[in-house]
Protein backbone atom coordinates (compact mmCIF):
# COMPACT_ATOMS: atom_id res chain seq x y z
CA UNK A 1 7.39 -24.46 24.82
CA UNK A 2 4.99 -27.34 24.12
CA UNK A 3 1.23 -27.48 24.08
CA UNK A 4 0.51 -30.00 26.83
CA UNK A 5 -2.66 -31.36 25.24
CA UNK A 6 -1.07 -32.33 21.92
CA UNK A 7 2.69 -32.41 22.64
CA UNK A 8 3.15 -30.02 19.69
CA UNK A 9 5.11 -26.79 20.10
CA UNK A 10 2.85 -23.86 21.02
CA UNK A 11 2.57 -21.27 18.24
CA UNK A 12 4.78 -18.22 18.62
CA UNK A 13 3.34 -14.72 18.41
CA UNK A 14 2.26 -14.00 14.84
CA UNK A 15 2.12 -17.69 13.84
CA UNK A 16 -1.12 -19.34 12.83
CA UNK A 17 -2.37 -21.85 15.40
CA UNK A 18 -2.01 -25.52 14.51
CA UNK A 19 -5.15 -27.24 13.39
CA UNK A 20 -6.99 -28.11 10.25
CA UNK A 21 -6.26 -25.79 7.35
CA UNK A 22 -9.07 -23.28 7.03
CA UNK A 23 -8.38 -21.95 3.58
CA UNK A 24 -7.91 -18.32 2.65
CA UNK A 25 -11.52 -17.15 3.11
CA UNK A 26 -12.18 -18.79 6.49
CA UNK A 27 -8.75 -17.79 7.82
CA UNK A 28 -9.41 -14.17 6.83
CA UNK A 29 -12.85 -14.30 8.44
CA UNK A 30 -11.33 -15.79 11.61
CA UNK A 31 -8.91 -12.87 11.80
CA UNK A 32 -11.67 -10.32 11.19
CA UNK A 33 -13.65 -11.92 14.00
CA UNK A 34 -10.60 -11.65 16.28
CA UNK A 35 -10.20 -7.96 15.40
CA UNK A 36 -13.90 -7.32 16.07
CA UNK A 37 -13.65 -9.12 19.42
CA UNK A 38 -10.56 -7.08 20.30
CA UNK A 39 -12.31 -3.83 19.37
CA UNK A 40 -15.33 -4.69 21.54
CA UNK A 41 -13.19 -5.78 24.52
CA UNK A 42 -10.94 -2.74 24.33
CA UNK A 43 -13.95 -0.45 23.99
CA UNK A 44 -15.44 -1.88 27.20
CA UNK A 45 -12.11 -1.46 29.04
CA UNK A 46 -11.87 2.12 27.74
CA UNK A 47 -15.30 2.87 29.14
CA UNK A 48 -14.28 1.72 32.60
CA UNK A 49 -10.83 3.39 32.57
CA UNK A 50 -11.36 6.55 30.47
CA UNK A 51 -15.12 6.94 30.74
CA UNK A 52 -15.51 6.73 26.94
CA UNK A 53 -16.24 3.81 24.65
CA UNK A 54 -14.18 3.35 21.49
CA UNK A 55 -16.84 4.92 19.24
CA UNK A 56 -17.35 7.84 21.65
CA UNK A 57 -13.60 8.49 21.77
CA UNK A 58 -13.40 8.38 17.97
CA UNK A 59 -16.14 11.02 17.76
CA UNK A 60 -14.30 13.20 20.33
CA UNK A 61 -11.06 12.89 18.32
CA UNK A 62 -12.83 13.74 15.03
CA UNK A 63 -14.71 16.72 16.47
CA UNK A 64 -11.41 17.89 17.96
CA UNK A 65 -9.83 17.68 14.52
CA UNK A 66 -12.80 19.36 12.78
CA UNK A 67 -14.43 21.89 15.15
CA UNK A 68 -17.83 23.01 13.86
CA UNK A 69 -18.49 19.70 12.08
CA UNK A 70 -22.06 18.64 11.36
CA UNK A 71 -23.54 15.29 12.36
CA UNK A 72 -24.00 14.51 8.65
CA UNK A 73 -20.32 15.07 7.89
CA UNK A 74 -19.31 12.97 10.92
CA UNK A 75 -21.60 10.19 9.69
CA UNK A 76 -19.97 10.34 6.24
CA UNK A 77 -16.46 10.12 7.72
CA UNK A 78 -17.50 7.17 9.90
CA UNK A 79 -19.55 5.50 7.12
CA UNK A 80 -22.65 5.26 9.29
CA UNK A 81 -26.20 6.58 8.99
CA UNK A 82 -26.63 9.92 10.82
CA UNK A 83 -29.26 8.36 13.09
CA UNK A 84 -26.58 5.93 14.30
CA UNK A 85 -24.62 8.89 15.71
CA UNK A 86 -27.56 10.57 17.42
CA UNK A 87 -27.20 8.63 20.68
CA UNK A 88 -23.42 8.99 20.78
CA UNK A 89 -23.61 12.76 20.21
CA UNK A 90 -26.36 13.18 22.82
CA UNK A 91 -24.40 11.20 25.44
CA UNK A 92 -21.23 13.21 24.78
CA UNK A 93 -23.19 16.46 24.94
CA UNK A 94 -24.94 15.42 28.18
CA UNK A 95 -21.55 14.61 29.74
CA UNK A 96 -20.32 18.08 28.84
CA UNK A 97 -17.74 16.93 26.28
CA UNK A 98 -19.44 18.38 23.19
CA UNK A 99 -21.35 21.55 22.59
CA UNK A 100 -23.98 21.95 19.90
CA UNK A 101 -24.55 25.26 18.15
CA UNK A 102 -26.98 26.16 15.43
CA UNK A 103 -25.43 26.65 11.98
CA UNK A 104 -25.74 30.39 11.22
CA UNK A 105 -26.17 29.60 7.51
CA UNK A 106 -28.76 26.85 7.97
CA UNK A 107 -30.60 26.81 11.29
CA UNK A 108 -31.72 23.21 10.70
CA UNK A 109 -28.14 21.98 11.06
CA UNK A 110 -26.20 21.67 14.29
CA UNK A 111 -22.46 22.27 14.49
CA UNK A 112 -20.44 20.36 17.09
CA UNK A 113 -17.31 21.43 18.94
CA UNK A 114 -15.47 20.16 22.00
CA UNK A 115 -15.90 21.81 25.37
CA UNK A 116 -12.86 22.41 27.59
CA UNK A 117 -13.53 19.02 29.21
CA UNK A 118 -13.80 17.39 25.78
CA UNK A 119 -10.51 18.98 24.70
CA UNK A 120 -8.81 17.49 27.76
CA UNK A 121 -9.72 14.01 26.40
CA UNK A 122 -8.66 14.81 22.83
CA UNK A 123 -5.11 13.57 23.33
CA UNK A 124 -3.32 10.29 22.63
CA UNK A 125 -3.98 7.89 25.50
CA UNK A 126 -2.67 4.45 26.39
CA UNK A 127 -5.16 1.61 26.56
CA UNK A 128 -7.20 2.84 23.61
CA UNK A 129 -7.94 1.26 20.25
CA UNK A 130 -6.11 4.22 18.74
CA UNK A 131 -2.90 3.48 20.69
CA UNK A 132 -3.00 -0.18 19.63
CA UNK A 133 -3.46 0.81 15.98
CA UNK A 134 -0.61 3.33 16.29
CA UNK A 135 1.76 0.69 17.72
CA UNK A 136 0.95 -1.79 14.95
CA UNK A 137 1.19 0.78 12.14
CA UNK A 138 4.56 1.97 13.44
CA UNK A 139 5.93 -1.55 12.82
CA UNK A 140 4.57 -1.81 9.26
CA UNK A 141 5.93 -0.48 5.98
CA UNK A 142 3.90 2.12 4.13
CA UNK A 143 3.35 -0.42 1.35
CA UNK A 144 1.89 -2.99 3.76
CA UNK A 145 -0.38 -0.38 5.32
CA UNK A 146 -1.68 0.76 1.92
CA UNK A 147 -2.27 -2.83 0.76
CA UNK A 148 -4.15 -3.62 3.96
CA UNK A 149 -6.26 -0.48 3.58
CA UNK A 150 -7.07 -1.54 0.01
CA UNK A 151 -8.26 -4.98 1.15
CA UNK A 152 -10.30 -3.57 4.06
CA UNK A 153 -11.86 -0.87 1.85
CA UNK A 154 -12.83 -3.42 -0.81
CA UNK A 155 -14.35 -5.68 1.87
CA UNK A 156 -16.24 -2.77 3.45
CA UNK A 157 -17.56 -1.80 0.01
CA UNK A 158 -18.59 -5.38 -0.75
CA UNK A 159 -20.44 -5.57 2.57
CA UNK A 160 -22.09 -2.19 1.99
CA UNK A 161 -20.31 -0.40 4.84
CA UNK A 162 -18.50 2.02 2.51
CA UNK A 163 -20.05 3.47 -0.63
CA UNK A 164 -18.56 2.28 -3.90
CA UNK A 165 -16.78 5.05 -5.79
CA UNK A 166 -18.70 6.28 -8.84
CA UNK A 167 -15.83 5.41 -11.12
CA UNK A 168 -12.60 3.77 -10.09
CA UNK A 169 -9.41 3.55 -12.12
CA UNK A 170 -8.94 0.13 -13.70
CA UNK A 171 -5.77 -1.97 -13.69
CA UNK A 172 -4.23 -0.02 -16.59
CA UNK A 173 -5.16 3.38 -15.13
CA UNK A 174 -8.19 3.82 -17.43
CA UNK A 175 -11.42 4.81 -15.73
CA UNK A 176 -14.02 2.08 -15.36
CA UNK A 177 -17.60 3.10 -16.06
CA UNK A 178 -19.75 3.61 -13.01
CA UNK A 179 -21.95 0.65 -12.12
CA UNK A 180 -25.35 1.18 -10.60
């Protein structure tokens, strides 16, 4: 198959498009941008087909996995500020997918669990970000997955989206001193 505008063969799936070389940093950023665009587009489709956005579905899946979880613990898992979750939790509660109970040990904290309706959505579903991730991961070796997670974690830490560990093992296995 040829690209009609340039008479060059069209790139096959998985190939980089023809064009000026971008270099490692810009190419990586281009791919991150494509992933972000895909996440946003899929999230919008999920809202119209499943009635949940990607972030809302992730919260439903996490609360389903950890019944009685606090908003603070959810925020830690998701690497967001608790106030970021407030709207998501309120919308899910208003729709009858989550129930909020007072923590018997600390009345200031709320514990979240799925309602029966919420549990009915806490299943693998086609057309979700989760199903796309599952399909891709099933084609990758464990080594590739771990290397990719390392790169994404380091980038998230560098951008401030994930806290830096207090002390990380160095190249030779020795502990590096914590930096503050």
